[in-house]
Amino acid sequence: MHYDALIVTNLPNYYKINLFNRIAENRKLFIVFISSSESRRNDDFLSIGEDEKFDYAVLSHSLESRNYFKTCIKLGQIIRSHTFSNLILGEWLNIEYWFALLFFKRANTMLILESNVHSVVKLGAKEVAKRIFLSRIHKVFASGVKHKLLLELLNYNGEIVVTNGVGLIGSFEGKTTKPRTNSFLFVGRLASEKNLRTLIEIFNELPYELNVIGEGPDERELKSIANTNINFLGYVKNVDLANYYKSHKSLILISVNEPWGLVAEESLYFGTPVIVSSVCGIVDTLCFHEKNSLVVEATSKDDIRMAVEKMMNVSLYEKLSSNCTSEIIKKNQRQVETYVQNISKDKVDEVF
């Protein structure tokens, strides 16, 4: 059978499933998921329904414990069993991506880039490998402005298309919405890259409530240093998050390393402004300083504290909240159209 594109990606993240379904309305897709699960992801974050609009295969059960030889063999069999106009790879880290490149000419290869320029600390061996990988890629779908800057840093000379997103968050709704309060919200993994120790130290000195949603390796330590105005709510299902976004003053995401920042996009979707660190990939693409967000330096407590206080300014807050939802609605359609326009329907031959 012939497909317009073979897409190889890590996991069936719900926001990617939503995007692939929309693209599949206009292009015939075959999706290969390297694994169906990852230890740090909950089941409702990773899911494939029975009514997907694309064909797909899953190479392994666990991303961490998979057998690389077996996954590559399975991938090769899939490639041999069909014809594809395009190969689209979801990043460059896994061996399966390198293996898939062996079967396609460069003119038919594409990459979905979610890493941004702040992910590169120094130009070492990994960056050399990335440059070699990019030399086999004809076109890159860069998630945002900061992702395009990474490609420029790595001297990529192929075509760059900015998609303005990593997927579609959908229109999930929670239960009846509570009235909006002056409480602040964090949603995410309780791990060092999220910079939560800094956030807790700041709120220990503020009169405002901070509600923390999520689980992770730093949970016990963070709880031990938190004052009574900081509440740890644990795991909340994705379908119920809307109620939390809508009822809080602002979401805070001050990560020291964040390829995109999906929770910030979700927050904007539900009309809730974001305090977001400048290293997050979503900044300058969907989060704009003093338009719908307040952008801060993750290493500056004063900067973050000042942003929290600014959110209490009524006129500024009304301005920020009024610009939230419209940005997401506009970008969703543009993102789908970008992929559809760049996925050729012309039948081509693989390398082997």
Protein backbone atom coordinates (compact mmCIF):
# COMPACT_ATOMS: atom_id res chain seq x y z
CA MET A 1 0.00 0.00 0.00
CA HIS A 2 1.12 3.57 -0.66
CA TYR A 3 1.15 6.32 1.98
CA ASP A 4 1.89 10.01 1.66
CA ALA A 5 4.10 9.85 4.76
CA LEU A 6 5.69 7.43 7.20
CA ILE A 7 6.00 9.19 10.55
CA VAL A 8 8.28 7.61 13.16
CA THR A 9 7.91 9.04 16.67
CA ASN A 10 8.64 8.02 20.26
CA LEU A 11 5.26 7.70 21.94
CA PRO A 12 1.52 8.12 21.28
CA ASN A 13 1.28 11.43 23.15
CA TYR A 14 -2.31 12.70 23.02
CA TYR A 15 -1.34 16.04 21.48
CA LYS A 16 0.48 14.27 18.64
CA ILE A 17 -2.45 11.90 18.10
CA ASN A 18 -4.71 14.95 17.74
CA LEU A 19 -2.35 16.50 15.20
CA PHE A 20 -1.92 13.30 13.18
CA ASN A 21 -5.70 12.83 13.00
CA ARG A 22 -6.16 16.31 11.59
CA ILE A 23 -3.38 15.85 9.02
CA ALA A 24 -4.84 12.47 8.06
CA GLU A 25 -8.01 14.21 6.89
CA ASN A 26 -5.98 15.34 3.85
CA ARG A 27 -2.96 13.01 3.70
CA LYS A 28 -2.67 9.22 4.03
CA LEU A 29 -0.40 8.52 7.01
CA PHE A 30 1.27 5.50 8.55
CA ILE A 31 2.54 6.24 12.07
CA VAL A 32 5.18 4.11 13.80
CA PHE A 33 5.35 4.57 17.57
CA ILE A 34 8.64 3.27 18.94
CA SER A 35 6.94 2.37 22.24
CA SER A 36 3.51 2.48 23.83
CA SER A 37 4.67 3.54 27.29
CA GLU A 38 7.32 5.41 29.27
CA SER A 39 7.75 5.17 33.03
CA ARG A 40 7.40 8.90 33.69
CA ARG A 41 4.18 9.26 31.63
CA ASN A 42 0.67 8.43 32.84
CA ASP A 43 -1.75 6.34 30.80
CA ASP A 44 -4.05 9.23 29.92
CA PHE A 45 -1.08 11.14 28.47
CA LEU A 46 -0.28 8.19 26.22
CA SER A 47 -3.23 6.72 24.39
CA ILE A 48 -4.30 5.44 20.99
CA GLY A 49 -8.04 5.23 20.36
CA GLU A 50 -9.99 2.84 18.19
CA ASP A 51 -11.13 5.50 15.73
CA GLU A 52 -7.83 7.02 14.61
CA LYS A 53 -7.78 8.30 11.02
CA PHE A 54 -4.32 6.89 10.29
CA ASP A 55 -2.76 3.43 10.16
CA TYR A 56 -0.14 2.69 12.79
CA ALA A 57 2.16 0.17 14.43
CA VAL A 58 3.84 0.01 17.85
CA LEU A 59 7.36 -1.45 17.96
CA SER A 60 7.69 -2.14 21.71
CA HIS A 61 5.91 -1.86 25.04
CA SER A 62 8.45 0.16 27.04
CA LEU A 63 10.64 2.96 25.73
CA GLU A 64 13.32 2.39 28.37
CA SER A 65 13.60 -1.42 28.21
CA ARG A 66 13.02 -2.06 24.50
CA ASN A 67 15.29 -4.28 22.43
CA TYR A 68 16.85 -1.96 19.82
CA PHE A 69 17.62 -4.79 17.42
CA LYS A 70 14.03 -6.03 17.45
CA THR A 71 12.53 -2.55 17.02
CA CYS A 72 14.77 -1.85 14.04
CA ILE A 73 13.88 -5.18 12.44
CA LYS A 74 10.15 -4.43 12.86
CA LEU A 75 10.61 -0.95 11.45
CA GLY A 76 12.49 -2.30 8.45
CA GLN A 77 9.71 -4.81 7.75
CA ILE A 78 7.12 -2.01 7.79
CA ILE A 79 9.14 0.10 5.39
CA ARG A 80 9.60 -2.89 3.07
CA SER A 81 5.89 -3.75 3.13
CA HIS A 82 4.64 -0.38 1.82
CA THR A 83 5.70 2.64 -0.22
CA PHE A 84 5.94 6.15 1.20
CA SER A 85 6.29 9.57 -0.42
CA ASN A 86 7.92 11.05 2.68
CA LEU A 87 9.71 9.98 5.84
CA ILE A 88 9.07 12.23 8.86
CA LEU A 89 11.10 11.61 12.01
CA GLY A 90 10.15 12.82 15.49
CA GLU A 91 13.54 14.05 16.72
CA TRP A 92 17.06 12.61 16.37
CA LEU A 93 17.98 10.85 19.62
CA ASN A 94 16.86 7.26 19.08
CA ILE A 95 18.63 4.63 16.98
CA GLU A 96 15.38 3.85 15.15
CA TYR A 97 15.46 7.31 13.52
CA TRP A 98 18.96 6.75 12.18
CA PHE A 99 17.96 3.30 10.93
CA ALA A 100 14.92 4.64 9.05
CA LEU A 101 17.10 7.15 7.19
CA LEU A 102 18.91 4.26 5.47
CA PHE A 103 15.80 3.50 3.40
CA PHE A 104 15.06 6.96 1.99
CA LYS A 105 16.69 9.51 -0.24
CA ARG A 106 17.51 12.84 1.41
CA ALA A 107 15.00 14.64 -0.81
CA ASN A 108 12.17 12.76 0.90
CA THR A 109 13.27 13.06 4.55
CA MET A 110 11.88 15.45 7.16
CA LEU A 111 12.34 16.05 10.88
CA ILE A 112 9.98 17.32 13.59
CA LEU A 113 12.18 19.40 15.91
CA GLU A 114 11.05 19.93 19.51
CA SER A 115 14.48 20.77 20.99
CA ASN A 116 15.25 24.47 21.21
CA VAL A 117 18.42 26.56 21.27
CA HIS A 118 18.57 26.60 25.09
CA SER A 119 18.99 22.80 25.11
CA VAL A 120 22.54 23.18 23.80
CA VAL A 121 25.00 23.96 26.58
CA LYS A 122 28.11 23.47 24.48
CA LEU A 123 28.96 22.23 21.01
CA GLY A 124 30.23 18.79 22.00
CA ALA A 125 29.96 15.23 20.64
CA LYS A 126 26.15 15.21 20.75
CA GLU A 127 25.99 18.34 18.65
CA VAL A 128 28.41 16.81 16.12
CA ALA A 129 26.08 13.80 15.88
CA LYS A 130 23.10 16.13 15.41
CA ARG A 131 24.87 17.88 12.53
CA ILE A 132 25.57 14.53 10.86
CA PHE A 133 21.92 13.55 11.30
CA LEU A 134 20.72 16.89 9.90
CA SER A 135 22.90 16.45 6.83
CA ARG A 136 20.50 13.65 5.81
CA ILE A 137 17.37 15.75 6.40
CA HIS A 138 15.84 17.75 3.55
CA LYS A 139 13.26 19.72 5.56
CA VAL A 140 12.70 20.47 9.25
CA PHE A 141 9.40 21.26 10.93
CA ALA A 142 10.66 23.56 13.71
CA SER A 143 8.17 23.91 16.56
CA GLY A 144 8.92 27.60 17.17
CA VAL A 145 11.31 30.53 16.96
CA LYS A 146 13.79 29.11 19.48
CA HIS A 147 13.86 25.80 17.62
CA LYS A 148 14.72 27.55 14.38
CA LEU A 149 17.60 29.28 16.21
CA LEU A 150 18.97 25.85 17.20
CA LEU A 151 19.05 24.81 13.54
CA GLU A 152 20.94 27.99 12.67
CA LEU A 153 23.40 27.31 15.50
CA LEU A 154 24.02 23.83 14.06
CA ASN A 155 24.51 25.33 10.58
CA TYR A 156 21.60 23.43 9.05
CA ASN A 157 21.31 24.34 5.36
CA GLY A 158 18.04 22.62 4.44
CA GLU A 159 14.53 24.02 4.40
CA ILE A 160 13.02 25.17 7.72
CA VAL A 161 9.27 25.40 8.26
CA VAL A 162 8.03 26.84 11.59
CA THR A 163 4.86 25.06 12.76
CA ASN A 164 4.14 27.16 15.90
CA GLY A 165 3.45 24.11 18.05
CA VAL A 166 4.28 20.51 18.95
CA GLY A 167 0.75 19.20 18.44
CA LEU A 168 -2.87 19.95 19.22
CA ILE A 169 -4.03 19.98 22.82
CA GLY A 170 -7.67 19.44 21.85
CA SER A 171 -10.71 20.88 23.57
CA PHE A 172 -10.87 18.69 26.67
CA GLU A 173 -13.17 20.00 29.38
CA GLY A 174 -13.28 19.25 33.06
CA LYS A 175 -16.15 19.37 35.53
CA THR A 176 -18.04 22.52 36.43
CA THR A 177 -15.58 25.38 36.61
CA LYS A 178 -14.90 26.96 39.99
CA PRO A 179 -14.72 30.78 40.25
CA ARG A 180 -11.27 32.17 39.44
CA THR A 181 -9.22 32.80 42.58
CA ASN A 182 -5.96 34.61 43.33
CA SER A 183 -4.15 31.28 43.69
CA PHE A 184 -1.25 30.35 41.41
CA LEU A 185 -0.77 26.98 39.74
CA PHE A 186 2.06 24.65 38.74
CA VAL A 187 1.41 21.59 36.57
CA GLY A 188 4.21 19.17 35.70
CA ARG A 189 6.75 16.66 36.86
CA LEU A 190 8.30 17.34 40.26
CA ALA A 191 11.88 17.23 39.03
CA SER A 192 14.93 19.49 39.14
CA GLU A 193 14.58 20.85 35.59
CA LYS A 194 11.25 22.44 36.60
CA ASN A 195 13.05 24.71 39.10
CA LEU A 196 10.43 24.07 41.79
CA ARG A 197 12.76 24.63 44.75
CA THR A 198 13.18 28.22 43.61
CA LEU A 199 9.43 28.61 43.14
CA ILE A 200 8.67 27.26 46.61
CA GLU A 201 11.29 29.48 48.24
CA ILE A 202 9.66 32.50 46.59
CA PHE A 203 6.12 31.56 47.67
CA ASN A 204 7.33 30.85 51.20
CA GLU A 205 7.81 34.63 51.41
CA LEU A 206 4.56 35.62 49.65
CA PRO A 207 0.97 35.85 50.95
CA TYR A 208 -0.47 33.99 47.95
CA GLU A 209 -1.47 30.35 47.57
CA LEU A 210 0.43 28.02 45.23
CA ASN A 211 -1.15 24.75 44.16
CA VAL A 212 1.22 22.11 42.76
CA ILE A 213 -0.14 19.38 40.48
CA GLY A 214 2.11 16.45 39.60
CA GLU A 215 4.38 13.74 40.89
CA GLY A 216 8.10 13.13 40.61
CA PRO A 217 11.42 12.29 42.26
CA ASP A 218 11.70 15.59 44.17
CA GLU A 219 8.26 15.41 45.79
CA ARG A 220 9.35 14.52 49.32
CA GLU A 221 12.11 17.15 49.43
CA LEU A 222 9.84 19.88 48.05
CA LYS A 223 7.09 19.13 50.56
CA SER A 224 9.61 19.33 53.40
CA ILE A 225 10.55 22.95 52.60
CA ALA A 226 7.08 24.27 51.71
CA ASN A 227 5.02 26.55 53.96
CA THR A 228 1.29 26.05 54.53
CA ASN A 229 0.31 28.33 51.61
CA ILE A 230 1.72 25.71 49.21
CA ASN A 231 -0.49 22.71 48.49
CA PHE A 232 0.59 19.50 46.74
CA LEU A 233 -2.41 18.05 44.92
CA GLY A 234 -0.70 15.01 43.40
CA TYR A 235 -1.66 13.50 40.07
CA VAL A 236 -4.68 14.92 38.21
CA LYS A 237 -6.06 13.36 35.02
CA ASN A 238 -5.61 15.40 31.85
CA VAL A 239 -9.37 15.53 31.28
CA ASP A 240 -9.79 17.24 34.66
CA LEU A 241 -7.04 19.84 34.28
CA ALA A 242 -9.30 22.39 32.58
CA ASN A 243 -11.04 23.05 35.89
CA TYR A 244 -7.72 23.94 37.52
CA TYR A 245 -6.50 26.18 34.71
CA LYS A 246 -9.78 28.11 34.66
CA SER A 247 -9.97 28.62 38.43
CA HIS A 248 -6.43 29.94 39.05
CA LYS A 249 -4.93 33.38 38.59
CA SER A 250 -1.92 32.20 36.62
CA LEU A 251 0.13 29.16 35.70
CA ILE A 252 3.83 29.32 36.58
CA LEU A 253 6.43 27.43 34.52
CA ILE A 254 9.97 28.56 35.37
CA SER A 255 11.91 25.56 34.05
CA VAL A 256 15.65 25.75 33.50
CA ASN A 257 15.25 23.39 30.50
CA GLU A 258 11.96 23.06 28.62
CA PRO A 259 11.83 22.11 24.92
CA TRP A 260 8.30 23.51 24.55
CA GLY A 261 6.03 23.82 27.60
CA LEU A 262 2.73 22.15 26.77
CA VAL A 263 1.12 23.11 30.09
CA ALA A 264 1.68 26.78 29.22
CA GLU A 265 -0.16 26.24 25.94
CA GLU A 266 -3.01 24.50 27.77
CA SER A 267 -3.22 27.36 30.26
CA LEU A 268 -3.49 29.96 27.51
CA TYR A 269 -6.17 27.87 25.81
CA PHE A 270 -8.32 28.18 28.92
CA GLY A 271 -7.75 31.93 29.25
CA THR A 272 -5.18 31.82 32.04
CA PRO A 273 -2.02 33.95 31.68
CA VAL A 274 1.37 32.36 32.27
CA ILE A 275 4.53 33.28 34.14
CA VAL A 276 7.11 31.47 32.03
CA SER A 277 10.91 31.28 31.94
CA SER A 278 12.74 32.63 28.92
CA VAL A 279 14.26 29.21 28.10
CA CYS A 280 10.90 27.57 27.38
CA GLY A 281 10.42 26.80 23.70
CA ILE A 282 6.93 28.29 23.68
CA VAL A 283 8.30 31.79 24.41
CA ASP A 284 8.24 34.16 21.41
CA THR A 285 6.01 31.70 19.52
CA LEU A 286 2.85 31.50 21.65
CA CYS A 287 3.89 33.17 24.94
CA PHE A 288 4.66 36.87 24.51
CA HIS A 289 5.86 39.12 27.32
CA GLU A 290 3.15 41.48 28.60
CA LYS A 291 0.77 40.36 25.85
CA ASN A 292 -0.54 37.06 27.25
CA SER A 293 2.34 36.13 29.57
CA LEU A 294 5.10 37.47 31.76
CA VAL A 295 8.50 36.12 30.69
CA VAL A 296 11.12 35.82 33.45
CA GLU A 297 14.66 34.61 33.95
CA ALA A 298 14.62 31.22 35.66
CA THR A 299 17.70 32.09 37.72
CA SER A 300 16.32 35.38 39.08
CA LYS A 301 14.15 35.16 42.20
CA ASP A 302 13.54 38.91 42.04
CA ASP A 303 12.32 38.62 38.45
CA ILE A 304 9.91 35.80 39.31
CA ARG A 305 8.67 37.48 42.50
CA MET A 306 8.01 40.70 40.61
CA ALA A 307 6.04 38.81 37.95
CA VAL A 308 3.82 37.23 40.63
CA GLU A 309 3.09 40.68 42.06
CA LYS A 310 2.38 42.07 38.59
CA MET A 311 -0.30 39.41 38.05
CA MET A 312 -2.24 41.07 40.87
CA ASN A 313 -2.47 44.32 38.88
CA VAL A 314 -6.07 44.35 37.60
CA SER A 315 -5.54 46.32 34.38
CA LEU A 316 -2.45 44.34 33.34
CA TYR A 317 -4.16 41.06 34.18
CA GLU A 318 -7.20 41.90 32.07
CA LYS A 319 -4.91 42.71 29.15
CA LEU A 320 -3.01 39.42 29.49
CA SER A 321 -6.08 37.23 29.89
CA SER A 322 -7.89 38.85 26.95
CA ASN A 323 -5.04 37.78 24.62
CA CYS A 324 -4.74 34.15 25.75
CA THR A 325 -7.19 31.94 23.91
CA SER A 326 -7.08 33.68 20.53
CA GLU A 327 -3.39 32.84 20.02
CA ILE A 328 -4.00 29.10 20.46
CA ILE A 329 -7.07 28.93 18.24
CA LYS A 330 -5.25 30.70 15.40
CA LYS A 331 -2.13 28.57 15.63
CA ASN A 332 -3.98 25.22 15.60
CA GLN A 333 -5.30 25.68 12.08
CA ARG A 334 -1.98 27.10 10.85
CA GLN A 335 -0.09 24.13 12.27
CA VAL A 336 -2.27 21.58 10.49
CA GLU A 337 -2.13 23.51 7.21
CA THR A 338 1.66 23.74 7.42
CA TYR A 339 2.06 19.97 7.61
CA VAL A 340 -0.51 19.24 4.91
CA GLN A 341 1.07 21.71 2.49
CA ASN A 342 4.56 20.27 3.01
CA ILE A 343 3.71 16.56 2.82
CA SER A 344 3.91 15.56 -0.83
CA LYS A 345 1.46 13.09 -2.34
CA ASP A 346 3.86 12.20 -5.16
CA LYS A 347 4.94 8.56 -5.15
CA VAL A 348 8.71 8.09 -4.80
CA ASP A 349 11.13 5.20 -4.55
CA GLU A 350 13.05 4.39 -1.37
CA VAL A 351 16.83 4.11 -1.45
CA PHE A 352 16.81 0.29 -1.21
